[in-house]
Amino acid sequence: MTYYRRPGSVEEAILKAIAPLTPCEARRATGRSRGFLYRTSNPMDTDAKMTVVQALALDHVLAEKGLPLRFRPLFNAPTRARVPEANDLLRALRRLSAILGEAATISGTAVHWADLGTHEAQGLARQLQDLAELSLAVRDSLHVTRQ
């Protein structure tokens, strides 16, 4: 039975990536049989999953054969157009990373916690408070997207 694969979807990319490859090329690239890879292109089969590493490996084989890449364009597509919440999450994760870096810099300057001056201790406390608030926001946004 033929299953509809939405244009521009991962399932369509999988199908188009596998079609020009021999069974040996597909197995060598992904470690999976061509039959399993076809199962991953079926939007109705939720048990079969392809990893990002396997997708990039298929793109690599396609590039070696001079064929168009199928997955990298999907990965590079604007996130905002497909999943607006993901853009907010990425922005929050970047801010989280910056806060962690600032907190590490402040705490790394002191050999012992007792060596922190009042100004540095207040800065670190502020950074840790921001970190706690932002990590809760990230957790809540992840919880919402799973529903």
N, C-alpha and C. Protein backbone atom coordinates (compact mmCIF):
# COMPACT_ATOMS: atom_id res chain seq x y z
N MET A 1 0.84 -1.18 0.00
CA MET A 1 0.00 0.00 0.00
C MET A 1 0.89 1.24 0.00
N THR A 2 0.52 2.23 -0.76
CA THR A 2 1.26 3.48 -0.85
C THR A 2 0.73 4.45 0.19
N TYR A 3 1.64 5.10 0.91
CA TYR A 3 1.26 6.08 1.92
C TYR A 3 1.60 7.47 1.43
N TYR A 4 0.72 8.41 1.71
CA TYR A 4 0.95 9.80 1.34
C TYR A 4 2.04 10.38 2.23
N ARG A 5 3.02 10.99 1.61
CA ARG A 5 4.08 11.68 2.32
C ARG A 5 3.98 13.16 1.97
N ARG A 6 3.75 13.96 2.97
CA ARG A 6 3.58 15.40 2.77
C ARG A 6 4.82 15.99 2.11
N PRO A 7 4.65 16.79 1.05
CA PRO A 7 5.82 17.41 0.40
C PRO A 7 6.61 18.26 1.40
N GLY A 8 7.92 18.12 1.37
CA GLY A 8 8.79 18.85 2.30
C GLY A 8 8.93 18.19 3.66
N SER A 9 8.32 17.03 3.83
CA SER A 9 8.40 16.34 5.12
C SER A 9 9.65 15.47 5.19
N VAL A 10 9.98 15.06 6.39
CA VAL A 10 11.11 14.15 6.59
C VAL A 10 10.84 12.83 5.89
N GLU A 11 9.59 12.36 5.96
CA GLU A 11 9.24 11.09 5.33
C GLU A 11 9.48 11.13 3.82
N GLU A 12 9.14 12.26 3.19
CA GLU A 12 9.38 12.40 1.76
C GLU A 12 10.89 12.42 1.47
N ALA A 13 11.65 13.12 2.32
CA ALA A 13 13.10 13.18 2.15
C ALA A 13 13.73 11.79 2.27
N ILE A 14 13.24 11.00 3.22
CA ILE A 14 13.76 9.63 3.38
C ILE A 14 13.51 8.82 2.12
N LEU A 15 12.28 8.89 1.62
CA LEU A 15 11.93 8.13 0.43
C LEU A 15 12.80 8.54 -0.77
N LYS A 16 12.98 9.85 -0.96
CA LYS A 16 13.78 10.33 -2.08
C LYS A 16 15.27 10.05 -1.90
N ALA A 17 15.72 9.95 -0.66
CA ALA A 17 17.13 9.65 -0.40
C ALA A 17 17.44 8.19 -0.64
N ILE A 18 16.52 7.31 -0.31
CA ILE A 18 16.77 5.88 -0.42
C ILE A 18 16.64 5.39 -1.86
N ALA A 19 15.72 5.97 -2.62
CA ALA A 19 15.39 5.48 -3.96
C ALA A 19 16.62 5.29 -4.87
N PRO A 20 17.55 6.25 -4.96
CA PRO A 20 18.66 6.05 -5.89
C PRO A 20 19.81 5.21 -5.35
N LEU A 21 19.71 4.76 -4.11
CA LEU A 21 20.81 4.01 -3.50
C LEU A 21 20.58 2.51 -3.64
N THR A 22 21.68 1.79 -3.75
CA THR A 22 21.59 0.33 -3.75
C THR A 22 21.39 -0.12 -2.30
N PRO A 23 20.92 -1.34 -2.10
CA PRO A 23 20.77 -1.83 -0.72
C PRO A 23 22.10 -1.80 0.05
N CYS A 24 23.21 -2.11 -0.63
CA CYS A 24 24.52 -2.07 0.04
C CYS A 24 24.91 -0.66 0.47
N GLU A 25 24.67 0.31 -0.40
CA GLU A 25 25.00 1.70 -0.07
C GLU A 25 24.17 2.19 1.12
N ALA A 26 22.89 1.85 1.12
CA ALA A 26 22.02 2.27 2.22
C ALA A 26 22.47 1.64 3.54
N ARG A 27 22.80 0.34 3.51
CA ARG A 27 23.24 -0.35 4.72
C ARG A 27 24.59 0.19 5.20
N ARG A 28 25.50 0.42 4.26
CA ARG A 28 26.83 0.92 4.63
C ARG A 28 26.73 2.32 5.28
N ALA A 29 25.83 3.13 4.77
CA ALA A 29 25.68 4.49 5.28
C ALA A 29 25.01 4.53 6.65
N THR A 30 23.99 3.70 6.85
CA THR A 30 23.17 3.81 8.05
C THR A 30 23.27 2.65 9.02
N GLY A 31 23.77 1.52 8.53
CA GLY A 31 23.78 0.33 9.38
C GLY A 31 22.42 -0.35 9.43
N ARG A 32 21.50 0.09 8.60
CA ARG A 32 20.14 -0.47 8.57
C ARG A 32 19.82 -0.97 7.18
N SER A 33 18.90 -1.93 7.10
CA SER A 33 18.50 -2.46 5.80
C SER A 33 17.65 -1.43 5.07
N ARG A 34 17.62 -1.58 3.77
CA ARG A 34 16.82 -0.68 2.95
C ARG A 34 15.34 -0.81 3.31
N GLY A 35 14.90 -2.03 3.62
CA GLY A 35 13.51 -2.25 4.03
C GLY A 35 13.15 -1.46 5.29
N PHE A 36 14.07 -1.46 6.27
CA PHE A 36 13.83 -0.71 7.49
C PHE A 36 13.76 0.78 7.18
N LEU A 37 14.66 1.25 6.30
CA LEU A 37 14.67 2.67 5.96
C LEU A 37 13.37 3.05 5.25
N TYR A 38 12.83 2.17 4.41
CA TYR A 38 11.53 2.44 3.80
C TYR A 38 10.45 2.53 4.87
N ARG A 39 10.54 1.70 5.89
CA ARG A 39 9.57 1.77 6.99
C ARG A 39 9.63 3.13 7.67
N THR A 40 10.84 3.70 7.80
CA THR A 40 10.95 5.00 8.46
C THR A 40 10.31 6.11 7.62
N SER A 41 10.16 5.87 6.31
CA SER A 41 9.52 6.89 5.46
C SER A 41 8.00 6.79 5.51
N ASN A 42 7.47 5.78 6.16
CA ASN A 42 6.03 5.59 6.27
C ASN A 42 5.51 6.44 7.44
N PRO A 43 4.73 7.48 7.17
CA PRO A 43 4.23 8.32 8.26
C PRO A 43 3.30 7.60 9.22
N MET A 44 2.77 6.45 8.80
CA MET A 44 1.86 5.69 9.66
C MET A 44 2.61 4.75 10.61
N ASP A 45 3.87 4.48 10.33
CA ASP A 45 4.66 3.56 11.16
C ASP A 45 5.45 4.37 12.18
N THR A 46 4.96 4.42 13.40
CA THR A 46 5.60 5.23 14.43
C THR A 46 6.71 4.47 15.16
N ASP A 47 6.86 3.18 14.89
CA ASP A 47 7.90 2.40 15.56
C ASP A 47 9.26 2.54 14.90
N ALA A 48 9.28 2.73 13.60
CA ALA A 48 10.55 2.83 12.86
C ALA A 48 11.02 4.28 12.87
N LYS A 49 12.21 4.50 13.37
CA LYS A 49 12.77 5.85 13.45
C LYS A 49 14.16 5.88 12.85
N MET A 50 14.48 6.97 12.17
CA MET A 50 15.81 7.18 11.64
C MET A 50 16.46 8.28 12.48
N THR A 51 17.74 8.12 12.78
CA THR A 51 18.44 9.14 13.56
C THR A 51 18.96 10.23 12.65
N VAL A 52 19.28 11.37 13.24
CA VAL A 52 19.86 12.48 12.48
C VAL A 52 21.19 12.05 11.87
N VAL A 53 21.97 11.27 12.61
CA VAL A 53 23.26 10.80 12.10
C VAL A 53 23.05 9.94 10.86
N GLN A 54 22.05 9.07 10.87
CA GLN A 54 21.76 8.25 9.70
C GLN A 54 21.31 9.10 8.52
N ALA A 55 20.51 10.13 8.79
CA ALA A 55 20.05 11.02 7.72
C ALA A 55 21.23 11.74 7.09
N LEU A 56 22.14 12.25 7.92
CA LEU A 56 23.31 12.94 7.38
C LEU A 56 24.23 11.98 6.63
N ALA A 57 24.30 10.74 7.08
CA ALA A 57 25.10 9.74 6.37
C ALA A 57 24.51 9.47 4.99
N LEU A 58 23.19 9.43 4.91
CA LEU A 58 22.55 9.24 3.59
C LEU A 58 22.84 10.45 2.69
N ASP A 59 22.77 11.65 3.25
CA ASP A 59 23.12 12.84 2.47
C ASP A 59 24.56 12.77 1.96
N HIS A 60 25.45 12.27 2.79
CA HIS A 60 26.85 12.15 2.39
C HIS A 60 27.00 11.21 1.20
N VAL A 61 26.31 10.08 1.23
CA VAL A 61 26.37 9.13 0.12
C VAL A 61 25.77 9.75 -1.14
N LEU A 62 24.66 10.48 -0.97
CA LEU A 62 24.05 11.15 -2.12
C LEU A 62 25.01 12.17 -2.72
N ALA A 63 25.69 12.92 -1.88
CA ALA A 63 26.65 13.92 -2.36
C ALA A 63 27.79 13.25 -3.12
N GLU A 64 28.28 12.13 -2.60
CA GLU A 64 29.36 11.40 -3.28
C GLU A 64 28.93 10.93 -4.67
N LYS A 65 27.66 10.63 -4.83
CA LYS A 65 27.14 10.17 -6.11
C LYS A 65 26.73 11.34 -7.01
N GLY A 66 26.87 12.57 -6.50
CA GLY A 66 26.50 13.75 -7.29
C GLY A 66 25.00 13.99 -7.33
N LEU A 67 24.27 13.44 -6.37
CA LEU A 67 22.82 13.59 -6.31
C LEU A 67 22.45 14.69 -5.33
N PRO A 68 21.25 15.25 -5.45
CA PRO A 68 20.86 16.32 -4.53
C PRO A 68 20.71 15.81 -3.09
N LEU A 69 21.10 16.67 -2.15
CA LEU A 69 20.94 16.35 -0.73
C LEU A 69 19.46 16.42 -0.37
N ARG A 70 19.05 15.57 0.53
CA ARG A 70 17.63 15.52 0.91
C ARG A 70 17.36 16.01 2.33
N PHE A 71 18.33 15.86 3.23
CA PHE A 71 18.07 16.18 4.64
C PHE A 71 18.61 17.54 5.06
N ARG A 72 19.79 17.90 4.60
CA ARG A 72 20.36 19.19 5.02
C ARG A 72 19.45 20.36 4.70
N PRO A 73 18.79 20.38 3.53
CA PRO A 73 17.84 21.48 3.30
C PRO A 73 16.71 21.51 4.33
N LEU A 74 16.28 20.35 4.79
CA LEU A 74 15.25 20.33 5.83
C LEU A 74 15.79 20.89 7.14
N PHE A 75 17.03 20.51 7.48
CA PHE A 75 17.63 20.96 8.73
C PHE A 75 17.90 22.46 8.69
N ASN A 76 18.16 22.99 7.50
CA ASN A 76 18.48 24.41 7.37
C ASN A 76 17.26 25.28 7.13
N ALA A 77 16.10 24.68 6.94
CA ALA A 77 14.88 25.46 6.69
C ALA A 77 14.59 26.33 7.91
N PRO A 78 14.02 27.49 7.67
CA PRO A 78 13.72 28.39 8.80
C PRO A 78 12.81 27.71 9.82
N THR A 79 13.26 27.70 11.05
CA THR A 79 12.50 27.06 12.12
C THR A 79 11.19 27.79 12.39
N ARG A 80 11.22 29.10 12.32
CA ARG A 80 10.04 29.88 12.65
C ARG A 80 8.85 29.50 11.77
N ALA A 81 9.10 29.22 10.49
CA ALA A 81 8.01 28.90 9.58
C ALA A 81 7.35 27.57 9.93
N ARG A 82 8.11 26.63 10.47
CA ARG A 82 7.56 25.30 10.75
C ARG A 82 7.08 25.16 12.19
N VAL A 83 7.88 25.61 13.16
CA VAL A 83 7.53 25.43 14.57
C VAL A 83 7.88 26.71 15.32
N PRO A 84 6.90 27.63 15.48
CA PRO A 84 7.20 28.91 16.13
C PRO A 84 7.76 28.75 17.55
N GLU A 85 7.28 27.75 18.30
CA GLU A 85 7.75 27.58 19.68
C GLU A 85 9.22 27.20 19.72
N ALA A 86 9.71 26.51 18.71
CA ALA A 86 11.11 26.08 18.69
C ALA A 86 12.05 27.27 18.65
N ASN A 87 11.67 28.33 17.95
CA ASN A 87 12.51 29.51 17.89
C ASN A 87 12.64 30.14 19.27
N ASP A 88 11.53 30.22 20.01
CA ASP A 88 11.57 30.76 21.37
C ASP A 88 12.42 29.88 22.28
N LEU A 89 12.31 28.57 22.11
CA LEU A 89 13.09 27.64 22.91
C LEU A 89 14.58 27.79 22.62
N LEU A 90 14.94 27.90 21.34
CA LEU A 90 16.34 28.08 20.99
C LEU A 90 16.89 29.38 21.56
N ARG A 91 16.09 30.43 21.51
CA ARG A 91 16.52 31.72 22.09
C ARG A 91 16.73 31.56 23.61
N ALA A 92 15.83 30.86 24.28
CA ALA A 92 15.96 30.63 25.71
C ALA A 92 17.19 29.78 26.03
N LEU A 93 17.45 28.76 25.21
CA LEU A 93 18.63 27.92 25.44
C LEU A 93 19.92 28.70 25.22
N ARG A 94 19.94 29.60 24.23
CA ARG A 94 21.13 30.44 24.03
C ARG A 94 21.35 31.35 25.24
N ARG A 95 20.27 31.92 25.76
CA ARG A 95 20.37 32.78 26.94
C ARG A 95 20.83 31.96 28.14
N LEU A 96 20.32 30.76 28.28
CA LEU A 96 20.73 29.85 29.35
C LEU A 96 22.22 29.58 29.28
N SER A 97 22.72 29.34 28.08
CA SER A 97 24.14 29.10 27.88
C SER A 97 24.97 30.32 28.26
N ALA A 98 24.48 31.51 27.89
CA ALA A 98 25.20 32.73 28.23
C ALA A 98 25.24 32.94 29.74
N ILE A 99 24.14 32.68 30.40
CA ILE A 99 24.10 32.83 31.86
C ILE A 99 25.06 31.86 32.52
N LEU A 100 25.07 30.62 32.05
CA LEU A 100 26.00 29.64 32.61
C LEU A 100 27.45 30.09 32.42
N GLY A 101 27.74 30.64 31.26
CA GLY A 101 29.09 31.13 31.00
C GLY A 101 29.47 32.27 31.92
N GLU A 102 28.55 33.22 32.12
CA GLU A 102 28.82 34.34 33.01
C GLU A 102 29.01 33.87 34.45
N ALA A 103 28.16 32.95 34.89
CA ALA A 103 28.28 32.42 36.25
C ALA A 103 29.60 31.66 36.42
N ALA A 104 30.00 30.92 35.41
CA ALA A 104 31.27 30.19 35.48
C ALA A 104 32.45 31.15 35.53
N THR A 105 32.36 32.24 34.79
CA THR A 105 33.43 33.24 34.80
C THR A 105 33.57 33.87 36.17
N ILE A 106 32.44 34.25 36.75
CA ILE A 106 32.47 34.89 38.07
C ILE A 106 33.02 33.92 39.11
N SER A 107 32.50 32.69 39.13
CA SER A 107 32.94 31.74 40.15
C SER A 107 34.36 31.26 39.87
N GLY A 108 34.77 31.25 38.61
CA GLY A 108 36.12 30.79 38.27
C GLY A 108 37.21 31.77 38.67
N THR A 109 36.86 33.04 38.87
CA THR A 109 37.87 34.02 39.26
C THR A 109 38.29 33.85 40.71
N ALA A 110 37.44 33.25 41.49
CA ALA A 110 37.77 33.06 42.92
C ALA A 110 38.34 31.67 43.13
N VAL A 111 39.43 31.60 43.88
CA VAL A 111 40.02 30.31 44.20
C VAL A 111 39.12 29.58 45.19
N HIS A 112 38.58 30.28 46.13
CA HIS A 112 37.65 29.72 47.11
C HIS A 112 36.42 30.62 47.15
N TRP A 113 35.29 30.04 47.54
CA TRP A 113 34.07 30.85 47.63
C TRP A 113 34.26 32.03 48.57
N ALA A 114 35.06 31.86 49.58
CA ALA A 114 35.30 32.94 50.54
C ALA A 114 36.03 34.10 49.90
N ASP A 115 36.73 33.86 48.78
CA ASP A 115 37.47 34.92 48.11
C ASP A 115 36.57 35.84 47.28
N LEU A 116 35.30 35.46 47.08
CA LEU A 116 34.41 36.31 46.30
C LEU A 116 34.12 37.60 47.06
N GLY A 117 34.25 38.71 46.39
CA GLY A 117 33.89 39.99 46.99
C GLY A 117 32.38 40.15 46.97
N THR A 118 31.90 41.19 47.62
CA THR A 118 30.46 41.44 47.70
C THR A 118 29.87 41.64 46.32
N HIS A 119 30.56 42.41 45.49
CA HIS A 119 30.07 42.69 44.14
C HIS A 119 29.98 41.40 43.31
N GLU A 120 31.04 40.57 43.37
CA GLU A 120 31.05 39.32 42.61
C GLU A 120 29.98 38.36 43.13
N ALA A 121 29.82 38.30 44.46
CA ALA A 121 28.82 37.40 45.04
C ALA A 121 27.41 37.82 44.63
N GLN A 122 27.15 39.13 44.62
CA GLN A 122 25.84 39.61 44.19
C GLN A 122 25.61 39.30 42.71
N GLY A 123 26.65 39.48 41.90
CA GLY A 123 26.54 39.17 40.47
C GLY A 123 26.27 37.70 40.25
N LEU A 124 26.98 36.85 41.00
CA LEU A 124 26.78 35.41 40.87
C LEU A 124 25.37 35.02 41.31
N ALA A 125 24.91 35.60 42.41
CA ALA A 125 23.56 35.30 42.90
C ALA A 125 22.52 35.72 41.87
N ARG A 126 22.73 36.88 41.26
CA ARG A 126 21.81 37.36 40.23
C ARG A 126 21.80 36.40 39.02
N GLN A 127 23.00 35.97 38.60
CA GLN A 127 23.10 35.05 37.47
C GLN A 127 22.43 33.72 37.78
N LEU A 128 22.64 33.23 39.00
CA LEU A 128 22.03 31.95 39.38
C LEU A 128 20.51 32.06 39.46
N GLN A 129 20.00 33.22 39.91
CA GLN A 129 18.56 33.44 39.93
C GLN A 129 18.00 33.45 38.51
N ASP A 130 18.69 34.16 37.60
CA ASP A 130 18.28 34.18 36.20
C ASP A 130 18.30 32.77 35.62
N LEU A 131 19.34 32.02 35.97
CA LEU A 131 19.49 30.65 35.50
C LEU A 131 18.31 29.79 35.96
N ALA A 132 17.94 29.93 37.23
CA ALA A 132 16.83 29.15 37.77
C ALA A 132 15.52 29.50 37.07
N GLU A 133 15.26 30.80 36.88
CA GLU A 133 14.03 31.23 36.22
C GLU A 133 13.98 30.75 34.77
N LEU A 134 15.09 30.91 34.07
CA LEU A 134 15.12 30.52 32.67
C LEU A 134 15.02 29.01 32.49
N SER A 135 15.67 28.26 33.38
CA SER A 135 15.59 26.80 33.26
C SER A 135 14.16 26.32 33.53
N LEU A 136 13.44 26.98 34.42
CA LEU A 136 12.03 26.64 34.64
C LEU A 136 11.19 26.97 33.40
N ALA A 137 11.49 28.10 32.76
CA ALA A 137 10.77 28.47 31.55
C ALA A 137 11.03 27.47 30.42
N VAL A 138 12.28 27.04 30.30
CA VAL A 138 12.62 26.05 29.29
C VAL A 138 11.91 24.73 29.59
N ARG A 139 11.94 24.31 30.84
CA ARG A 139 11.25 23.08 31.22
C ARG A 139 9.76 23.16 30.90
N ASP A 140 9.14 24.30 31.24
CA ASP A 140 7.71 24.47 30.97
C ASP A 140 7.42 24.47 29.48
N SER A 141 8.28 25.08 28.68
CA SER A 141 8.04 25.10 27.23
C SER A 141 8.21 23.71 26.63
N LEU A 142 9.14 22.93 27.16
CA LEU A 142 9.30 21.56 26.68
C LEU A 142 8.08 20.73 27.05
N HIS A 143 7.54 20.96 28.22
CA HIS A 143 6.36 20.22 28.67
C HIS A 143 5.17 20.54 27.77
N VAL A 144 5.01 21.81 27.39
CA VAL A 144 3.88 22.23 26.56
C VAL A 144 3.99 21.61 25.18
N THR A 145 5.20 21.55 24.59
CA THR A 145 5.33 21.05 23.23
C THR A 145 5.10 19.54 23.15
N ARG A 146 5.21 18.82 24.24
CA ARG A 146 5.00 17.37 24.23
C ARG A 146 3.53 17.00 24.23
N GLN A 147 2.65 17.93 24.64
CA GLN A 147 1.23 17.60 24.76
C GLN A 147 0.57 17.38 23.45
